Amino acid sequence: MSTVQTAAPVALRWVGALAAALVIFSILLMTKGANPIDAYQGMWQSTFQRSRSIEEIFIQMSPLVLGALAVAVPARAGLTNVGGEGQIIIGAVAACGMFLLLGDGASGGLILVAMLVASVVAGALWAGLAAALRLVAGVNEAISTLLLNFVALDVLLFLIYQPWRESPVGQPATRELVDVAKLPVISGTKVHIGIVVAVVMVVVVHLLINRTRWGFRISVAGGNSEAARRSGLKVSMLVLSALMIGGALAGLAGMIHFAGVEYKLRPGFGSQLGYTSFLACWMARHQPFPILVAAFVFASLSVAGDSLQLDSGLPAASVNVLTALILIAVLGFTTMRKKANA
């Protein structure tokens, strides 16, 4: 059977799964008194027929792609990194701390490089804590990375309420990043170069896990750790390196979100970015290039949520319901395909 003949029914099943999700969501819309056709039309127009909305999609994609890659790399080693949220926060904290340390007098290039290095190192070390807990105490990394998210949030809140707070009046926040240290934008748009960094890292991760000895070794360790040990592979070092590389990617996502969107730390900084990235990675089945598509879908749904809220008069959480339905449809379809091929 040719590749085209095989791909056709697969594409039809994907379309059918997504259509089923939209039908279910349409029923929910009608229970709220909204016209599904008008709602979908409004979402499409506000999301894909306005240049500002398209730019916003690419802006939101950047940290999502990097956060999803932070899940994909450990997954190749059989590890579950649920700590993207905390690693993103710690990366942003490190970037902001480096800016505050260098001060306004430093050049923009120096601040950017220092923030990038600090965020990558901080994210890697934060994920390394979970790796150390697994290797030393046998704590499952899914639990430790998840719990470290709350610790990272507490660190953020402590800093913005106490030593790094800019003003005792108003919302607690740090000083805003100087203009020269903000991420440059692509000419003629408001999209910062974080999206370029994200795409480059997709290529790098793809090559790393598919074209290097290290990538082969973590795949072996992820498939059967005991067999990998008997083959002479240092499984503990592979576990440590996979989680730390994932943490470094999430830390980079935090720096990009800080220097490209937020410009200061505040309560709610990057809220849900890590968890959304986790879902995007699962939607892409931990594959680097499909992560770009999954991140685009999630970013588009986030932008489309404004239309549901403003034009259709629906609660802001409605888009979360649609996102969940699409995710369940896609994951359910993939699982069914695996069982059918077994």
Protein backbone atom coordinates (compact mmCIF):
# COMPACT_ATOMS: atom_id res chain seq x y z
CA MET A 1 0.00 0.00 0.00
CA SER A 2 1.41 3.42 -0.94
CA THR A 3 2.10 6.22 1.51
CA VAL A 4 -0.64 8.34 -0.06
CA GLN A 5 -3.20 5.55 0.26
CA THR A 6 -2.24 5.04 3.90
CA ALA A 7 -2.26 8.73 4.74
CA ALA A 8 -5.72 9.36 3.29
CA PRO A 9 -7.75 7.29 5.80
CA VAL A 10 -5.56 8.60 8.62
CA ALA A 11 -6.33 12.19 7.62
CA LEU A 12 -10.04 11.36 7.38
CA ARG A 13 -10.02 9.91 10.88
CA TRP A 14 -8.31 13.01 12.25
CA VAL A 15 -10.90 15.22 10.57
CA GLY A 16 -13.66 13.02 11.94
CA ALA A 17 -12.27 13.21 15.48
CA LEU A 18 -11.99 17.00 15.35
CA ALA A 19 -15.48 17.27 13.82
CA ALA A 20 -16.87 15.19 16.68
CA ALA A 21 -15.27 17.58 19.18
CA LEU A 22 -16.81 20.57 17.41
CA VAL A 23 -20.25 18.91 17.35
CA ILE A 24 -20.13 18.26 21.08
CA PHE A 25 -19.01 21.84 21.72
CA SER A 26 -21.83 23.10 19.47
CA ILE A 27 -24.35 21.34 21.70
CA LEU A 28 -22.82 23.07 24.72
CA LEU A 29 -23.02 26.42 22.92
CA MET A 30 -26.71 25.90 22.20
CA THR A 31 -27.41 25.13 25.85
CA LYS A 32 -25.97 28.59 26.58
CA GLY A 33 -28.23 30.20 23.99
CA ALA A 34 -25.47 30.85 21.46
CA ASN A 35 -25.64 30.08 17.75
CA PRO A 36 -22.77 27.65 16.99
CA ILE A 37 -22.41 28.81 13.38
CA ASP A 38 -22.16 32.46 14.43
CA ALA A 39 -19.75 31.56 17.23
CA TYR A 40 -17.43 29.60 14.96
CA GLN A 41 -17.59 32.25 12.27
CA GLY A 42 -16.74 34.94 14.81
CA MET A 43 -13.85 32.88 16.15
CA TRP A 44 -12.46 32.32 12.67
CA GLN A 45 -12.73 35.97 11.66
CA SER A 46 -11.28 37.36 14.87
CA THR A 47 -8.46 34.83 14.94
CA PHE A 48 -7.32 34.32 11.35
CA GLN A 49 -8.59 37.36 9.48
CA ARG A 50 -6.94 40.00 11.63
CA SER A 51 -3.21 40.54 11.34
CA ARG A 52 -2.93 41.50 15.01
CA SER A 53 -4.51 38.21 16.07
CA ILE A 54 -2.18 36.18 13.84
CA GLU A 55 0.79 38.01 15.33
CA GLU A 56 -0.52 37.24 18.81
CA ILE A 57 -0.71 33.55 17.91
CA PHE A 58 2.98 33.47 17.02
CA ILE A 59 3.87 35.44 20.15
CA GLN A 60 2.05 32.92 22.32
CA MET A 61 3.53 29.99 20.43
CA SER A 62 7.13 30.71 21.42
CA PRO A 63 7.04 29.64 25.10
CA LEU A 64 4.55 26.87 24.32
CA VAL A 65 6.90 25.26 21.81
CA LEU A 66 9.87 25.43 24.18
CA GLY A 67 7.79 24.24 27.12
CA ALA A 68 6.55 21.28 25.06
CA LEU A 69 10.10 20.40 24.02
CA ALA A 70 10.95 20.41 27.74
CA VAL A 71 8.49 17.53 28.09
CA ALA A 72 9.49 15.74 24.88
CA VAL A 73 13.19 15.28 25.69
CA PRO A 74 12.68 13.55 29.08
CA ALA A 75 9.82 11.55 27.56
CA ARG A 76 12.29 9.94 25.18
CA ALA A 77 14.08 8.63 28.28
CA GLY A 78 10.81 7.30 29.71
CA LEU A 79 10.45 10.24 32.11
CA THR A 80 7.42 12.45 32.76
CA ASN A 81 8.29 16.09 33.27
CA VAL A 82 5.22 17.83 34.70
CA GLY A 83 7.36 20.66 36.03
CA GLY A 84 7.39 22.94 33.01
CA GLU A 85 5.35 25.53 34.88
CA GLY A 86 7.90 25.82 37.68
CA GLN A 87 10.89 25.64 35.36
CA ILE A 88 9.45 28.45 33.23
CA ILE A 89 8.93 30.57 36.35
CA ILE A 90 12.44 29.89 37.64
CA GLY A 91 13.90 30.71 34.23
CA ALA A 92 12.08 34.04 34.25
CA VAL A 93 13.18 34.70 37.84
CA ALA A 94 16.80 34.07 36.88
CA ALA A 95 16.48 36.34 33.84
CA CYS A 96 14.93 39.13 35.89
CA GLY A 97 17.53 38.70 38.62
CA MET A 98 20.33 39.05 36.08
CA PHE A 99 18.75 42.23 34.71
CA LEU A 100 18.43 43.70 38.20
CA LEU A 101 22.03 42.72 38.97
CA LEU A 102 23.47 44.32 35.85
CA GLY A 103 21.26 47.40 36.10
CA ASP A 104 20.15 49.90 33.49
CA GLY A 105 23.70 50.93 32.64
CA ALA A 106 24.65 47.68 30.93
CA SER A 107 24.23 47.29 27.19
CA GLY A 108 21.12 45.60 25.85
CA GLY A 109 23.14 42.83 24.21
CA LEU A 110 24.96 42.02 27.44
CA ILE A 111 21.72 41.91 29.42
CA LEU A 112 20.06 39.64 26.85
CA VAL A 113 22.96 37.19 26.78
CA ALA A 114 23.23 37.18 30.58
CA MET A 115 19.47 36.59 30.94
CA LEU A 116 19.55 33.78 28.40
CA VAL A 117 22.43 31.97 30.11
CA ALA A 118 20.96 32.48 33.58
CA SER A 119 17.52 31.21 32.58
CA VAL A 120 18.88 28.09 30.87
CA VAL A 121 21.13 27.24 33.83
CA ALA A 122 18.39 27.93 36.39
CA GLY A 123 15.83 25.83 34.53
CA ALA A 124 18.30 22.96 34.19
CA LEU A 125 19.23 23.04 37.89
CA TRP A 126 15.57 23.21 38.92
CA ALA A 127 14.79 20.10 36.87
CA GLY A 128 18.00 18.58 38.22
CA LEU A 129 16.47 18.64 41.69
CA ALA A 130 13.76 16.26 40.50
CA ALA A 131 16.37 14.07 38.81
CA ALA A 132 18.41 13.94 42.02
CA LEU A 133 15.34 12.99 44.04
CA ARG A 134 14.65 10.13 41.63
CA LEU A 135 18.21 8.86 41.62
CA VAL A 136 18.95 9.25 45.33
CA ALA A 137 15.59 8.74 47.03
CA GLY A 138 13.60 6.95 44.33
CA VAL A 139 10.97 9.71 44.16
CA ASN A 140 8.95 9.55 40.94
CA GLU A 141 9.86 12.52 38.75
CA ALA A 142 6.22 13.18 37.81
CA ILE A 143 5.42 13.86 41.47
CA SER A 144 8.57 15.83 42.28
CA THR A 145 8.40 18.05 39.18
CA LEU A 146 4.73 18.76 39.86
CA LEU A 147 5.37 19.71 43.49
CA LEU A 148 8.35 21.86 42.50
CA ASN A 149 5.92 23.99 40.47
CA PHE A 150 4.38 25.23 43.72
CA VAL A 151 7.80 25.88 45.24
CA ALA A 152 8.79 27.93 42.19
CA LEU A 153 5.60 29.95 42.49
CA ASP A 154 6.36 30.64 46.16
CA VAL A 155 9.85 31.81 45.21
CA LEU A 156 8.36 34.17 42.64
CA LEU A 157 5.81 35.58 45.09
CA PHE A 158 8.42 36.07 47.81
CA LEU A 159 10.67 38.04 45.48
CA ILE A 160 7.99 40.32 44.08
CA TYR A 161 6.41 40.97 47.48
CA GLN A 162 9.71 41.58 49.28
CA PRO A 163 13.23 42.23 47.91
CA TRP A 164 12.45 42.84 44.23
CA ARG A 165 9.22 44.81 44.62
CA GLU A 166 9.44 48.07 42.71
CA SER A 167 6.87 50.08 44.69
CA PRO A 168 5.08 49.44 48.00
CA VAL A 169 1.93 50.87 46.41
CA GLY A 170 -0.20 49.01 43.89
CA GLN A 171 0.22 45.53 42.48
CA PRO A 172 3.47 43.82 43.54
CA ALA A 173 5.84 43.62 40.60
CA THR A 174 9.48 44.06 39.71
CA ARG A 175 10.98 46.94 37.78
CA GLU A 176 10.22 46.80 34.05
CA LEU A 177 12.90 45.54 31.73
CA VAL A 178 14.69 48.34 29.90
CA ASP A 179 13.76 48.76 26.24
CA VAL A 180 17.23 47.91 24.92
CA ALA A 181 17.06 44.49 26.60
CA LYS A 182 13.62 43.54 25.28
CA LEU A 183 13.55 40.92 22.53
CA PRO A 184 13.75 42.48 19.04
CA VAL A 185 10.69 42.13 16.83
CA ILE A 186 10.55 40.81 13.29
CA SER A 187 10.49 43.70 10.84
CA GLY A 188 7.00 44.98 10.07
CA THR A 189 5.33 42.98 12.82
CA LYS A 190 4.94 42.89 16.59
CA VAL A 191 6.19 39.29 16.73
CA HIS A 192 9.44 39.03 18.69
CA ILE A 193 12.30 36.78 17.65
CA GLY A 194 11.35 34.22 20.28
CA ILE A 195 9.40 32.35 17.61
CA VAL A 196 12.59 32.02 15.56
CA VAL A 197 14.42 30.69 18.61
CA ALA A 198 11.59 28.20 19.21
CA VAL A 199 11.69 26.88 15.63
CA VAL A 200 15.48 26.56 15.76
CA MET A 201 15.24 24.61 19.01
CA VAL A 202 12.69 22.25 17.43
CA VAL A 203 15.27 21.41 14.76
CA VAL A 204 18.05 21.10 17.35
CA VAL A 205 16.00 18.77 19.58
CA HIS A 206 14.95 16.67 16.59
CA LEU A 207 18.59 16.20 15.61
CA LEU A 208 19.64 15.63 19.21
CA ILE A 209 17.22 12.81 19.92
CA ASN A 210 17.24 11.22 16.46
CA ARG A 211 20.75 11.76 15.09
CA THR A 212 23.12 11.52 18.06
CA ARG A 213 24.48 8.73 20.22
CA TRP A 214 23.05 10.42 23.28
CA GLY A 215 19.60 10.41 21.71
CA PHE A 216 19.92 6.72 20.90
CA ARG A 217 21.06 5.95 24.43
CA ILE A 218 18.19 7.74 26.15
CA SER A 219 15.77 5.93 23.84
CA VAL A 220 17.26 2.62 24.91
CA ALA A 221 17.13 3.65 28.58
CA GLY A 222 13.55 4.80 28.17
CA GLY A 223 12.52 1.55 26.51
CA ASN A 224 14.11 -0.79 29.05
CA SER A 225 16.31 0.70 31.75
CA GLU A 226 17.44 -2.68 33.11
CA ALA A 227 18.56 -3.87 29.68
CA ALA A 228 20.32 -0.54 29.19
CA ARG A 229 22.23 -1.02 32.48
CA ARG A 230 23.28 -4.53 31.50
CA SER A 231 24.50 -3.13 28.19
CA GLY A 232 26.84 -0.83 30.07
CA LEU A 233 24.89 2.40 29.69
CA LYS A 234 24.99 4.85 32.59
CA VAL A 235 21.24 5.13 33.04
CA SER A 236 21.48 7.50 36.01
CA MET A 237 23.46 10.02 33.98
CA LEU A 238 21.05 9.69 31.08
CA VAL A 239 18.10 10.36 33.39
CA LEU A 240 19.87 13.37 34.88
CA SER A 241 20.87 14.81 31.50
CA ALA A 242 17.43 14.29 29.92
CA LEU A 243 15.60 16.07 32.74
CA MET A 244 18.16 18.87 32.92
CA ILE A 245 18.00 19.50 29.17
CA GLY A 246 14.22 19.61 29.47
CA GLY A 247 14.52 22.08 32.34
CA ALA A 248 16.93 24.23 30.33
CA LEU A 249 14.42 24.47 27.48
CA ALA A 250 11.64 25.45 29.90
CA GLY A 251 13.93 28.02 31.53
CA LEU A 252 14.59 29.49 28.09
CA ALA A 253 10.83 29.69 27.58
CA GLY A 254 10.57 31.70 30.79
CA MET A 255 13.23 34.14 29.64
CA ILE A 256 11.55 34.60 26.26
CA HIS A 257 8.17 35.22 27.87
CA PHE A 258 9.76 37.69 30.29
CA ALA A 259 11.83 39.59 27.72
CA GLY A 260 9.32 39.35 24.88
CA VAL A 261 5.89 39.77 26.51
CA GLU A 262 5.69 40.52 30.24
CA TYR A 263 8.85 42.62 30.84
CA LYS A 264 8.40 42.29 34.61
CA LEU A 265 7.59 39.65 37.20
CA ARG A 266 4.15 39.85 38.77
CA PRO A 267 1.58 37.52 40.34
CA GLY A 268 0.26 35.18 37.68
CA PHE A 269 3.38 35.47 35.52
CA GLY A 270 3.18 32.86 32.76
CA SER A 271 0.16 31.27 34.40
CA GLN A 272 -0.67 27.85 32.90
CA LEU A 273 2.09 28.06 30.28
CA GLY A 274 3.80 24.96 31.58
CA TYR A 275 0.63 22.92 31.86
CA THR A 276 -0.55 23.96 28.40
CA SER A 277 2.88 23.05 27.02
CA PHE A 278 2.56 19.64 28.65
CA LEU A 279 -0.75 19.08 26.86
CA ALA A 280 0.69 20.32 23.57
CA CYS A 281 3.52 17.82 23.84
CA TRP A 282 1.12 14.96 24.48
CA MET A 283 -1.05 16.09 21.60
CA ALA A 284 2.05 15.91 19.38
CA ARG A 285 3.00 12.52 20.87
CA HIS A 286 6.35 13.93 22.04
CA GLN A 287 7.57 14.54 18.47
CA PRO A 288 9.45 17.84 17.91
CA PHE A 289 8.00 18.95 14.56
CA PRO A 290 4.36 18.08 15.40
CA ILE A 291 4.86 20.16 18.54
CA LEU A 292 4.87 23.23 16.29
CA VAL A 293 1.41 22.31 15.03
CA ALA A 294 0.09 21.53 18.50
CA ALA A 295 1.45 24.82 19.88
CA PHE A 296 -0.17 26.69 16.99
CA VAL A 297 -3.51 25.03 17.78
CA PHE A 298 -3.34 25.90 21.48
CA ALA A 299 -2.22 29.48 20.79
CA SER A 300 -5.02 29.90 18.24
CA LEU A 301 -7.60 28.61 20.70
CA SER A 302 -6.32 31.03 23.32
CA VAL A 303 -6.72 33.97 20.93
CA ALA A 304 -10.12 32.66 19.76
CA GLY A 305 -11.30 32.63 23.37
CA ASP A 306 -11.59 36.41 23.28
CA SER A 307 -14.17 36.11 20.50
CA LEU A 308 -16.23 33.60 22.48
CA GLN A 309 -16.22 35.91 25.45
CA LEU A 310 -16.77 39.26 23.72
CA ASP A 311 -18.80 38.39 20.62
CA SER A 312 -20.84 35.41 21.84
CA GLY A 313 -21.17 36.48 25.45
CA LEU A 314 -19.86 33.16 26.76
CA PRO A 315 -17.70 32.64 29.86
CA ALA A 316 -13.94 32.95 29.37
CA ALA A 317 -13.57 29.30 30.42
CA SER A 318 -15.55 28.17 27.36
CA VAL A 319 -12.42 27.99 25.25
CA ASN A 320 -10.90 25.65 27.83
CA VAL A 321 -13.81 23.27 27.26
CA LEU A 322 -13.23 23.37 23.50
CA THR A 323 -9.49 22.82 24.02
CA ALA A 324 -10.19 19.80 26.23
CA LEU A 325 -12.61 18.29 23.70
CA ILE A 326 -10.10 18.65 20.87
CA LEU A 327 -7.32 17.18 23.00
CA ILE A 328 -9.46 14.20 24.03
CA ALA A 329 -10.49 13.63 20.42
CA VAL A 330 -6.90 13.68 19.14
CA LEU A 331 -5.46 11.55 21.95
CA GLY A 332 -8.38 9.14 21.76
CA PHE A 333 -7.88 8.77 18.02
CA THR A 334 -4.16 8.08 18.43
CA THR A 335 -4.78 5.48 21.14
CA MET A 336 -7.36 3.74 18.98
CA ARG A 337 -4.90 3.66 16.08
CA LYS A 338 -2.24 2.05 18.26
CA LYS A 339 -4.63 -0.64 19.48
CA ALA A 340 -5.80 -1.30 15.93
CA ASN A 341 -2.21 -1.72 14.74
CA ALA A 342 -1.22 -3.93 17.70
